[in-house]
Amino acid sequence: MSDQFSHTKNELQSLVQDMLDYAKQQGATACAAEASEGMGQSVTVRKGEVETIEYNRDKGIGVTVYIGQRRGNASTSDFSRQALLDTVDKALTIARYTAEDAFAGLPDADRLATVFPELDLFHPWTQSIDEAIAMAGVCEAAALAADPRISNSEGASVNTQNSLFVYGNSLGFSAGYPTSRHGVSCAVIAESEQGMQRDYWYTSARRAADLLSAEEVGRRAGERTVRRLDGRKVKTCQVPVLFEAPVAAGLLSSFVSAISGSSLYRKSSFLLDSLGQSIFPAWLQIGERPHLLRGLASSPFDNEGVATVDREVIRDGVLQGYFLGSYSARKLGMQTTGNAGGNHNLLVSNTGEDFAGLLRKMGTGLLVTELLGHGTNMVTGDYSRGAAGFWVENGVIQYPVEEITIAGNLKQMFKDIVAIGTDTETRGSKQTGSILVAQMTVAGD
């Protein structure tokens, strides 16, 4: 795929500046705009045949204007000058009809980024369609070869996406950068006398050289699928629960949501007023690292241009800070944390055990490898999810388990974490190993 954008960074900055200048001329007291362009390709091979080839190229520009404390925004994919001016006019019209909001506005000027570290986020993968097809074929073949019980395939995909964006505002901020993200994935179906099971695996990275090999992705997809065959239910019990690392990252998502601005100012969080309180065990640390090289959630500034910095979110189990943008910070009487748009790379400490060590530490209990449904009450912290995984006895996996529910309360679950593994999940913005919780209710037969 070509790595050439149709606009340069300087050209996008010029478009953004034209919109800002016009908005000010037409009466905006403050304004911000973002222009972006993206392009990508995706190839899927199923049963050895090409199933889909997709190519995308898109662009867009959006503007937010303020007339005093009234806010309006509009966007367009037409980069012609008249379309940009019309878009500003639409945003201004919306602002004039919008109620005043005392907390609306741009971030404080002294919080805007002035230094832009090179984070190595752009590595185009100039892969031809034929090369992508061959790679997807290798991936699927490895999955199908993993075990004769694998009877069907949902396909293997190879995808690449390049993006370029620029953000600017009327405080004089103007910056942007390109990013890339590539991936290989595979999903297959295995069958036994008891029925069929499906599972998958994938790899994702900024740089193609950092991806798992296609063979490895396929092999893992096949092995993970076969091991789920002949699942059983278990009797309802209260036992330790080990969340496999990819699933454990979801627990971190609930934590982040509970201490994010909108949940806090709406008072819809089970962690209200938790700043300075002990949330996790005293040995647990969570750091935010926005400047990791090639990190999937790395950025020199947030969605408002506010500089990002390394910080400790949890130190010795105690909550040190929330995730706030300027608006939510003002509503809470606090300062932005540079998290407009969400968290950056979160790194969770571990207790030194590898995955096998966590199983031994658990002894007898449930290993969760998949969660189903959305049974998380963010107001109370009550947690009830459908689950699948494996029953473990004396630190050894015994058999697959399905059609069960696990239940607890997130506040208590966080305190009851007894170990975190070294098998760190790195394919997203929350990097954690598998998490062992001392006790939860497992509902089965």
Protein backbone atom coordinates (compact mmCIF):
# COMPACT_ATOMS: atom_id res chain seq x y z
CA MET A 1 0.00 0.00 0.00
CA SER A 2 1.21 3.51 -0.76
CA ASP A 3 2.28 5.52 2.28
CA GLN A 4 1.57 8.85 0.59
CA PHE A 5 -1.05 11.12 2.13
CA SER A 6 -2.84 13.49 -0.22
CA HIS A 7 -2.07 16.42 2.10
CA THR A 8 1.11 17.29 3.95
CA LYS A 9 1.11 18.23 7.61
CA ASN A 10 1.78 21.86 6.64
CA GLU A 11 -1.18 21.86 4.26
CA LEU A 12 -3.49 20.55 6.96
CA GLN A 13 -2.17 23.17 9.37
CA SER A 14 -2.95 25.84 6.79
CA LEU A 15 -6.53 24.58 6.39
CA VAL A 16 -7.01 24.56 10.16
CA GLN A 17 -5.61 28.08 10.48
CA ASP A 18 -7.92 29.36 7.73
CA MET A 19 -10.92 28.05 9.66
CA LEU A 20 -9.71 29.56 12.93
CA ASP A 21 -9.08 32.95 11.33
CA TYR A 22 -12.50 32.99 9.70
CA ALA A 23 -14.24 31.92 12.92
CA LYS A 24 -12.62 34.81 14.79
CA GLN A 25 -13.62 37.23 12.02
CA GLN A 26 -17.23 36.07 12.30
CA GLY A 27 -17.47 36.62 16.03
CA ALA A 28 -16.06 33.54 17.76
CA THR A 29 -14.36 34.46 21.02
CA ALA A 30 -12.38 31.21 20.90
CA CYS A 31 -12.13 28.26 18.54
CA ALA A 32 -10.35 25.01 17.75
CA ALA A 33 -10.15 22.76 14.69
CA GLU A 34 -8.75 19.38 13.76
CA ALA A 35 -8.03 18.03 10.29
CA SER A 36 -7.21 14.40 9.60
CA GLU A 37 -6.58 11.99 6.79
CA GLY A 38 -6.40 8.22 6.86
CA MET A 39 -5.82 5.36 4.49
CA GLY A 40 -5.58 1.64 4.89
CA GLN A 41 -6.03 -1.77 3.39
CA SER A 42 -7.34 -5.07 4.70
CA VAL A 43 -7.17 -8.53 3.16
CA THR A 44 -9.05 -11.60 4.41
CA VAL A 45 -8.40 -15.17 3.31
CA ARG A 46 -10.87 -17.93 4.22
CA LYS A 47 -10.41 -21.61 3.43
CA GLY A 48 -7.42 -20.75 1.30
CA GLU A 49 -9.34 -18.35 -0.93
CA VAL A 50 -9.37 -14.56 -0.97
CA GLU A 51 -12.63 -13.51 0.66
CA THR A 52 -12.28 -9.73 0.85
CA ILE A 53 -9.89 -7.00 -0.22
CA GLU A 54 -10.75 -3.61 1.19
CA TYR A 55 -9.07 -0.27 0.69
CA ASN A 56 -10.07 2.91 2.47
CA ARG A 57 -9.07 6.53 2.19
CA ASP A 58 -10.90 9.21 4.10
CA LYS A 59 -10.45 12.72 5.40
CA GLY A 60 -12.30 15.15 7.61
CA ILE A 61 -12.06 18.47 9.34
CA GLY A 62 -14.05 19.63 12.34
CA VAL A 63 -14.30 22.97 14.10
CA THR A 64 -15.49 23.94 17.57
CA VAL A 65 -16.38 27.58 18.20
CA TYR A 66 -17.19 29.48 21.36
CA ILE A 67 -19.25 32.64 21.58
CA GLY A 68 -18.66 33.51 25.18
CA GLN A 69 -19.75 30.35 27.00
CA ARG A 70 -21.87 29.06 24.13
CA ARG A 71 -20.38 26.21 22.13
CA GLY A 72 -21.02 24.85 18.64
CA ASN A 73 -19.25 22.38 16.43
CA ALA A 74 -19.53 21.14 12.86
CA SER A 75 -17.48 19.01 10.49
CA THR A 76 -17.03 18.24 6.81
CA SER A 77 -15.10 15.95 4.50
CA ASP A 78 -14.96 18.61 1.78
CA PHE A 79 -11.68 20.53 1.98
CA SER A 80 -12.62 23.23 -0.53
CA ARG A 81 -12.36 26.74 0.88
CA GLN A 82 -16.07 27.46 0.58
CA ALA A 83 -16.98 24.21 2.34
CA LEU A 84 -14.62 25.05 5.21
CA LEU A 85 -16.12 28.52 5.62
CA ASP A 86 -19.65 27.09 5.45
CA THR A 87 -18.72 24.60 8.17
CA VAL A 88 -17.52 27.41 10.43
CA ASP A 89 -20.76 29.30 9.78
CA LYS A 90 -22.78 26.22 10.77
CA ALA A 91 -20.81 25.86 14.00
CA LEU A 92 -21.37 29.54 14.82
CA THR A 93 -25.11 29.19 14.18
CA ILE A 94 -25.25 26.20 16.52
CA ALA A 95 -23.34 28.12 19.19
CA ARG A 96 -25.78 31.04 19.02
CA TYR A 97 -28.69 28.70 19.77
CA THR A 98 -26.90 26.76 22.50
CA ALA A 99 -27.36 27.46 26.20
CA GLU A 100 -24.42 29.00 28.03
CA ASP A 101 -22.18 26.59 29.88
CA ALA A 102 -19.94 28.15 32.51
CA PHE A 103 -17.40 25.35 32.11
CA ALA A 104 -17.07 25.44 28.31
CA GLY A 105 -13.92 26.73 26.68
CA LEU A 106 -10.41 25.99 25.54
CA PRO A 107 -7.81 24.72 28.02
CA ASP A 108 -5.64 27.19 29.88
CA ALA A 109 -2.86 28.42 27.59
CA ASP A 110 -0.10 27.50 30.04
CA ARG A 111 -1.11 23.81 29.85
CA LEU A 112 -0.63 23.52 26.08
CA ALA A 113 2.27 21.45 24.79
CA THR A 114 5.33 23.37 23.68
CA VAL A 115 7.72 20.41 23.34
CA PHE A 116 6.89 17.56 20.98
CA PRO A 117 9.04 14.47 21.59
CA GLU A 118 9.51 12.09 18.66
CA LEU A 119 7.59 8.98 19.71
CA ASP A 120 8.32 6.83 16.63
CA LEU A 121 4.62 6.27 15.87
CA PHE A 122 4.73 6.18 12.07
CA HIS A 123 6.02 3.10 10.27
CA PRO A 124 4.17 2.61 6.97
CA TRP A 125 3.89 -0.99 5.82
CA THR A 126 4.33 -0.78 2.05
CA GLN A 127 2.93 -4.24 1.51
CA SER A 128 1.44 -5.28 -1.81
CA ILE A 129 -1.96 -6.97 -2.02
CA ASP A 130 -0.26 -10.20 -3.12
CA GLU A 131 2.05 -10.11 -0.10
CA ALA A 132 -0.88 -9.50 2.25
CA ILE A 133 -2.84 -12.38 0.69
CA ALA A 134 0.15 -14.70 1.09
CA MET A 135 0.62 -13.70 4.72
CA ALA A 136 -3.07 -14.22 5.54
CA GLY A 137 -2.90 -17.62 3.84
CA VAL A 138 0.10 -18.65 5.92
CA CYS A 139 -1.70 -17.54 9.08
CA GLU A 140 -4.87 -19.49 8.33
CA ALA A 141 -2.94 -22.59 7.26
CA ALA A 142 -1.04 -22.59 10.56
CA ALA A 143 -4.33 -22.41 12.47
CA LEU A 144 -5.92 -25.25 10.49
CA ALA A 145 -2.81 -27.39 10.93
CA ALA A 146 -2.82 -26.98 14.70
CA ASP A 147 -5.22 -29.89 15.26
CA PRO A 148 -7.36 -32.21 13.09
CA ARG A 149 -10.44 -31.23 15.12
CA ILE A 150 -10.36 -27.75 13.60
CA SER A 151 -13.19 -28.08 11.11
CA ASN A 152 -13.83 -24.59 9.81
CA SER A 153 -12.36 -21.13 9.54
CA GLU A 154 -13.70 -17.62 9.87
CA GLY A 155 -10.60 -16.47 8.03
CA ALA A 156 -7.31 -14.73 8.61
CA SER A 157 -6.86 -11.02 8.03
CA VAL A 158 -3.90 -8.73 7.45
CA ASN A 159 -4.54 -5.02 7.80
CA THR A 160 -2.65 -1.76 7.82
CA GLN A 161 -3.77 1.79 8.58
CA ASN A 162 -1.90 5.10 8.30
CA SER A 163 -3.26 8.37 9.67
CA LEU A 164 -2.20 12.01 9.78
CA PHE A 165 -3.84 14.70 11.88
CA VAL A 166 -3.35 18.32 12.88
CA TYR A 167 -4.99 20.16 15.78
CA GLY A 168 -4.97 23.91 16.27
CA ASN A 169 -6.75 26.49 18.40
CA SER A 170 -7.06 30.25 18.77
CA LEU A 171 -4.52 30.28 21.61
CA GLY A 172 -1.81 29.82 19.00
CA PHE A 173 -1.41 26.06 19.31
CA SER A 174 -0.87 24.12 16.08
CA ALA A 175 0.65 20.65 15.92
CA GLY A 176 0.13 17.19 14.52
CA TYR A 177 1.84 14.00 13.45
CA PRO A 178 1.33 10.79 11.47
CA THR A 179 0.67 7.37 13.01
CA SER A 180 0.45 3.82 11.75
CA ARG A 181 -1.10 0.63 13.08
CA HIS A 182 -0.89 -2.83 11.59
CA GLY A 183 -2.39 -6.17 12.50
CA VAL A 184 -2.77 -9.85 11.74
CA SER A 185 -5.70 -11.89 13.09
CA CYS A 186 -7.24 -15.31 12.71
CA ALA A 187 -10.37 -17.10 13.98
CA VAL A 188 -11.19 -20.78 13.54
CA ILE A 189 -13.80 -23.31 14.66
CA ALA A 190 -13.11 -26.72 16.19
CA GLU A 191 -15.59 -29.56 16.53
CA SER A 192 -16.07 -32.62 18.74
CA GLU A 193 -18.99 -34.90 19.53
CA GLN A 194 -20.15 -32.40 22.16
CA GLY A 195 -20.30 -29.49 19.76
CA MET A 196 -18.29 -26.66 18.25
CA GLN A 197 -16.08 -23.96 19.73
CA ARG A 198 -14.59 -20.79 18.29
CA ASP A 199 -11.58 -18.75 19.33
CA TYR A 200 -9.07 -16.38 17.79
CA TRP A 201 -5.79 -14.56 18.23
CA TYR A 202 -4.35 -11.36 16.85
CA THR A 203 -1.28 -9.16 16.92
CA SER A 204 -1.17 -5.37 16.62
CA ALA A 205 1.68 -2.86 16.51
CA ARG A 206 2.82 0.49 15.14
CA ARG A 207 5.64 -1.22 13.22
CA ALA A 208 5.25 -4.38 11.15
CA ALA A 209 8.53 -5.74 12.50
CA ASP A 210 7.00 -5.77 15.99
CA LEU A 211 4.11 -8.05 15.00
CA LEU A 212 4.04 -11.72 15.88
CA SER A 213 4.67 -13.87 12.83
CA ALA A 214 1.64 -14.93 10.82
CA GLU A 215 2.41 -18.56 11.68
CA GLU A 216 2.46 -17.79 15.40
CA VAL A 217 -0.86 -15.94 15.26
CA GLY A 218 -2.46 -18.85 13.43
CA ARG A 219 -0.96 -21.46 15.74
CA ARG A 220 -2.23 -19.65 18.83
CA ALA A 221 -5.68 -19.23 17.31
CA GLY A 222 -5.84 -22.95 16.59
CA GLU A 223 -4.56 -24.05 19.98
CA ARG A 224 -6.86 -21.70 21.86
CA THR A 225 -9.85 -22.99 19.92
CA VAL A 226 -9.16 -26.69 20.41
CA ARG A 227 -8.56 -26.38 24.14
CA ARG A 228 -12.13 -25.09 24.57
CA LEU A 229 -13.74 -28.29 23.26
CA ASP A 230 -15.92 -30.40 25.57
CA GLY A 231 -16.55 -27.62 28.05
CA ARG A 232 -18.44 -28.36 31.26
CA LYS A 233 -20.38 -26.41 33.83
CA VAL A 234 -19.28 -26.28 37.45
CA LYS A 235 -21.25 -26.25 40.67
CA THR A 236 -21.92 -22.81 42.13
CA CYS A 237 -19.03 -21.96 44.44
CA GLN A 238 -16.82 -19.22 45.81
CA VAL A 239 -13.26 -19.62 44.60
CA PRO A 240 -10.23 -17.62 43.47
CA VAL A 241 -10.52 -16.34 39.91
CA LEU A 242 -7.59 -15.75 37.56
CA PHE A 243 -8.31 -13.32 34.71
CA GLU A 244 -6.09 -14.08 31.71
CA ALA A 245 -4.16 -10.95 30.68
CA PRO A 246 -6.31 -9.94 27.65
CA VAL A 247 -9.43 -10.21 29.83
CA ALA A 248 -7.71 -8.55 32.80
CA ALA A 249 -7.21 -5.43 30.68
CA GLY A 250 -11.00 -5.10 30.76
CA LEU A 251 -10.92 -4.78 34.55
CA LEU A 252 -8.54 -1.86 34.07
CA SER A 253 -11.02 -0.31 31.63
CA SER A 254 -13.68 -0.33 34.36
CA PHE A 255 -11.22 1.31 36.74
CA VAL A 256 -10.36 4.03 34.22
CA SER A 257 -14.02 4.67 33.46
CA ALA A 258 -14.81 5.02 37.17
CA ILE A 259 -12.18 7.72 37.69
CA SER A 260 -12.78 9.60 34.43
CA GLY A 261 -14.24 13.09 34.40
CA SER A 262 -17.72 12.49 32.99
CA SER A 263 -18.44 9.66 35.44
CA LEU A 264 -17.24 11.79 38.34
CA TYR A 265 -19.10 15.01 37.65
CA ARG A 266 -22.26 13.06 36.84
CA LYS A 267 -21.79 11.19 40.13
CA SER A 268 -22.22 7.90 38.31
CA SER A 269 -19.08 6.17 39.59
CA PHE A 270 -18.44 3.65 42.35
CA LEU A 271 -15.14 5.46 42.99
CA LEU A 272 -16.51 8.93 43.77
CA ASP A 273 -14.30 10.97 46.12
CA SER A 274 -11.60 8.28 46.04
CA LEU A 275 -8.61 10.58 45.51
CA GLY A 276 -6.04 9.76 48.17
CA GLN A 277 -7.88 6.58 49.11
CA SER A 278 -6.58 3.03 49.01
CA ILE A 279 -8.16 1.31 46.00
CA PHE A 280 -5.76 -1.59 45.39
CA PRO A 281 -3.34 -3.61 47.56
CA ALA A 282 -0.37 -1.62 48.86
CA TRP A 283 2.07 -3.42 46.54
CA LEU A 284 0.25 -2.38 43.35
CA GLN A 285 1.40 0.49 41.12
CA ILE A 286 -0.19 1.91 37.96
CA GLY A 287 1.76 4.46 35.94
CA GLU A 288 0.66 6.46 32.92
CA ARG A 289 3.41 6.70 30.30
CA PRO A 290 2.29 8.81 27.30
CA HIS A 291 5.73 8.92 25.69
CA LEU A 292 6.54 5.23 25.20
CA LEU A 293 8.23 4.75 21.84
CA ARG A 294 5.77 3.13 19.41
CA GLY A 295 3.17 2.85 22.16
CA LEU A 296 -0.37 2.23 20.96
CA ALA A 297 -1.63 5.02 23.25
CA SER A 298 1.37 7.35 23.06
CA SER A 299 0.94 11.05 22.34
CA PRO A 300 2.83 14.28 23.11
CA PHE A 301 -0.49 16.06 23.76
CA ASP A 302 -4.13 15.19 24.33
CA ASN A 303 -7.17 16.00 22.18
CA GLU A 304 -7.11 19.62 23.39
CA GLY A 305 -3.40 20.20 22.85
CA VAL A 306 -2.59 19.84 26.57
CA ALA A 307 0.89 18.46 27.19
CA THR A 308 1.04 14.85 28.37
CA VAL A 309 3.39 13.84 31.17
CA ASP A 310 4.43 10.68 32.96
CA ARG A 311 2.54 10.28 36.23
CA GLU A 312 1.57 7.73 38.83
CA VAL A 313 -2.15 7.02 38.85
CA ILE A 314 -1.85 4.45 41.65
CA ARG A 315 1.06 4.56 44.08
CA ASP A 316 1.24 1.84 46.73
CA GLY A 317 -2.42 1.07 46.09
CA VAL A 318 -3.55 4.67 46.65
CA LEU A 319 -5.30 6.73 43.96
CA GLN A 320 -3.12 9.72 43.01
CA GLY A 321 -5.12 11.28 40.18
CA TYR A 322 -8.16 11.12 37.93
CA PHE A 323 -8.43 11.15 34.12
CA LEU A 324 -9.64 14.64 33.23
CA GLY A 325 -9.93 16.93 30.25
CA SER A 326 -10.41 20.68 30.67
CA TYR A 327 -14.21 20.58 30.75
CA SER A 328 -14.55 17.86 33.38
CA ALA A 329 -11.73 19.40 35.40
CA ARG A 330 -13.55 22.73 35.56
CA LYS A 331 -16.78 21.00 36.56
CA LEU A 332 -14.91 19.32 39.40
CA GLY A 333 -12.94 22.40 40.42
CA MET A 334 -9.67 20.69 39.44
CA GLN A 335 -6.95 20.88 36.78
CA THR A 336 -6.86 18.91 33.53
CA THR A 337 -4.64 15.82 33.66
CA GLY A 338 -4.03 15.84 29.89
CA ASN A 339 -6.56 13.07 29.28
CA ALA A 340 -9.05 14.69 26.91
CA GLY A 341 -9.71 11.70 24.67
CA GLY A 342 -8.91 9.06 27.29
CA ASN A 343 -5.99 7.41 29.00
CA HIS A 344 -2.53 7.03 27.52
CA ASN A 345 -0.37 3.93 28.03
CA LEU A 346 -1.10 2.48 31.47
CA LEU A 347 1.54 0.17 32.94
CA VAL A 348 0.49 -2.09 35.82
CA SER A 349 3.08 -3.56 38.17
CA ASN A 350 3.37 -7.33 38.69
CA THR A 351 4.27 -9.66 41.53
CA GLY A 352 6.91 -11.62 39.61
CA GLU A 353 5.04 -14.83 38.81
CA ASP A 354 4.75 -16.11 35.27
CA PHE A 355 1.41 -17.56 34.15
CA ALA A 356 2.21 -21.04 35.46
CA GLY A 357 3.22 -19.47 38.77
CA LEU A 358 -0.15 -17.73 39.00
CA LEU A 359 -1.94 -21.04 38.46
CA ARG A 360 0.10 -22.60 41.27
CA LYS A 361 -0.60 -19.65 43.53
CA MET A 362 -4.33 -19.96 42.85
CA GLY A 363 -4.35 -23.67 43.61
CA THR A 364 -7.98 -24.53 42.91
CA GLY A 365 -10.25 -22.07 41.16
CA LEU A 366 -11.37 -20.64 37.83
CA LEU A 367 -9.22 -19.34 34.97
CA VAL A 368 -11.27 -16.88 32.90
CA THR A 369 -10.32 -16.52 29.24
CA GLU A 370 -13.52 -14.94 27.89
CA LEU A 371 -16.19 -12.62 29.27
CA LEU A 372 -19.67 -12.21 27.84
CA GLY A 373 -22.32 -9.53 28.22
CA HIS A 374 -22.18 -6.14 29.90
CA GLY A 375 -23.08 -6.81 33.51
CA THR A 376 -21.06 -4.04 35.14
CA ASN A 377 -22.89 -1.41 37.18
CA MET A 378 -20.54 1.59 37.19
CA VAL A 379 -22.56 3.35 39.90
CA THR A 380 -22.39 0.57 42.49
CA GLY A 381 -19.45 -1.47 41.19
CA ASP A 382 -21.57 -4.62 41.08
CA TYR A 383 -20.05 -7.00 38.57
CA SER A 384 -21.78 -10.01 36.97
CA ARG A 385 -20.55 -11.39 33.66
CA GLY A 386 -21.02 -14.52 31.65
CA ALA A 387 -17.69 -16.30 31.41
CA ALA A 388 -15.78 -19.18 29.86
CA GLY A 389 -12.41 -20.58 30.77
CA PHE A 390 -10.89 -23.50 32.62
CA TRP A 391 -11.23 -25.22 35.96
CA VAL A 392 -7.93 -25.47 37.82
CA GLU A 393 -7.01 -27.85 40.65
CA ASN A 394 -3.73 -27.83 42.54
CA GLY A 395 -2.33 -25.34 40.05
CA VAL A 396 -3.04 -27.52 37.01
CA ILE A 397 -5.69 -26.88 34.34
CA GLN A 398 -8.22 -29.75 34.44
CA TYR A 399 -10.92 -29.06 31.85
CA PRO A 400 -12.67 -26.24 29.94
CA VAL A 401 -15.65 -24.52 31.56
CA GLU A 402 -18.54 -22.72 29.86
CA GLU A 403 -22.03 -21.35 30.53
CA ILE A 404 -21.13 -19.89 33.90
CA THR A 405 -21.42 -16.48 35.53
CA ILE A 406 -18.87 -14.80 37.76
CA ALA A 407 -20.01 -12.15 40.23
CA GLY A 408 -18.53 -9.74 42.74
CA ASN A 409 -18.09 -6.03 43.35
CA LEU A 410 -15.30 -4.19 41.57
CA LYS A 411 -14.38 -2.18 44.64
CA GLN A 412 -13.82 -5.39 46.60
CA MET A 413 -12.28 -7.21 43.63
CA PHE A 414 -9.64 -4.49 43.30
CA LYS A 415 -8.73 -4.84 46.98
CA ASP A 416 -8.72 -8.64 46.68
CA ILE A 417 -6.09 -8.80 43.93
CA VAL A 418 -3.44 -11.13 45.30
CA ALA A 419 -1.06 -11.36 42.32
CA ILE A 420 -0.42 -10.03 38.82
CA GLY A 421 1.66 -11.98 36.32
CA THR A 422 4.60 -11.11 34.13
CA ASP A 423 2.63 -12.19 31.02
CA THR A 424 1.91 -8.58 30.12
CA GLU A 425 -0.75 -7.79 27.51
CA THR A 426 0.70 -5.09 25.24
CA ARG A 427 -1.84 -4.87 22.40
CA GLY A 428 -3.73 -1.88 23.77
CA SER A 429 -3.59 1.15 26.04
CA LYS A 430 -3.70 -0.86 29.28
CA GLN A 431 -0.67 -3.08 29.82
CA THR A 432 -1.23 -5.67 32.53
CA GLY A 433 -0.44 -9.29 33.21
CA SER A 434 -3.02 -11.85 34.27
CA ILE A 435 -4.80 -10.80 37.48
CA LEU A 436 -5.58 -13.19 40.35
CA VAL A 437 -8.52 -12.20 42.57
CA ALA A 438 -8.77 -13.92 45.96
CA GLN A 439 -12.45 -14.90 45.76
CA MET A 440 -15.53 -14.45 43.60
CA THR A 441 -18.85 -16.20 43.22
CA VAL A 442 -18.95 -18.62 40.29
CA ALA A 443 -22.51 -19.56 39.37
CA GLY A 444 -23.02 -22.73 37.37
CA ASP A 445 -25.25 -25.75 38.01
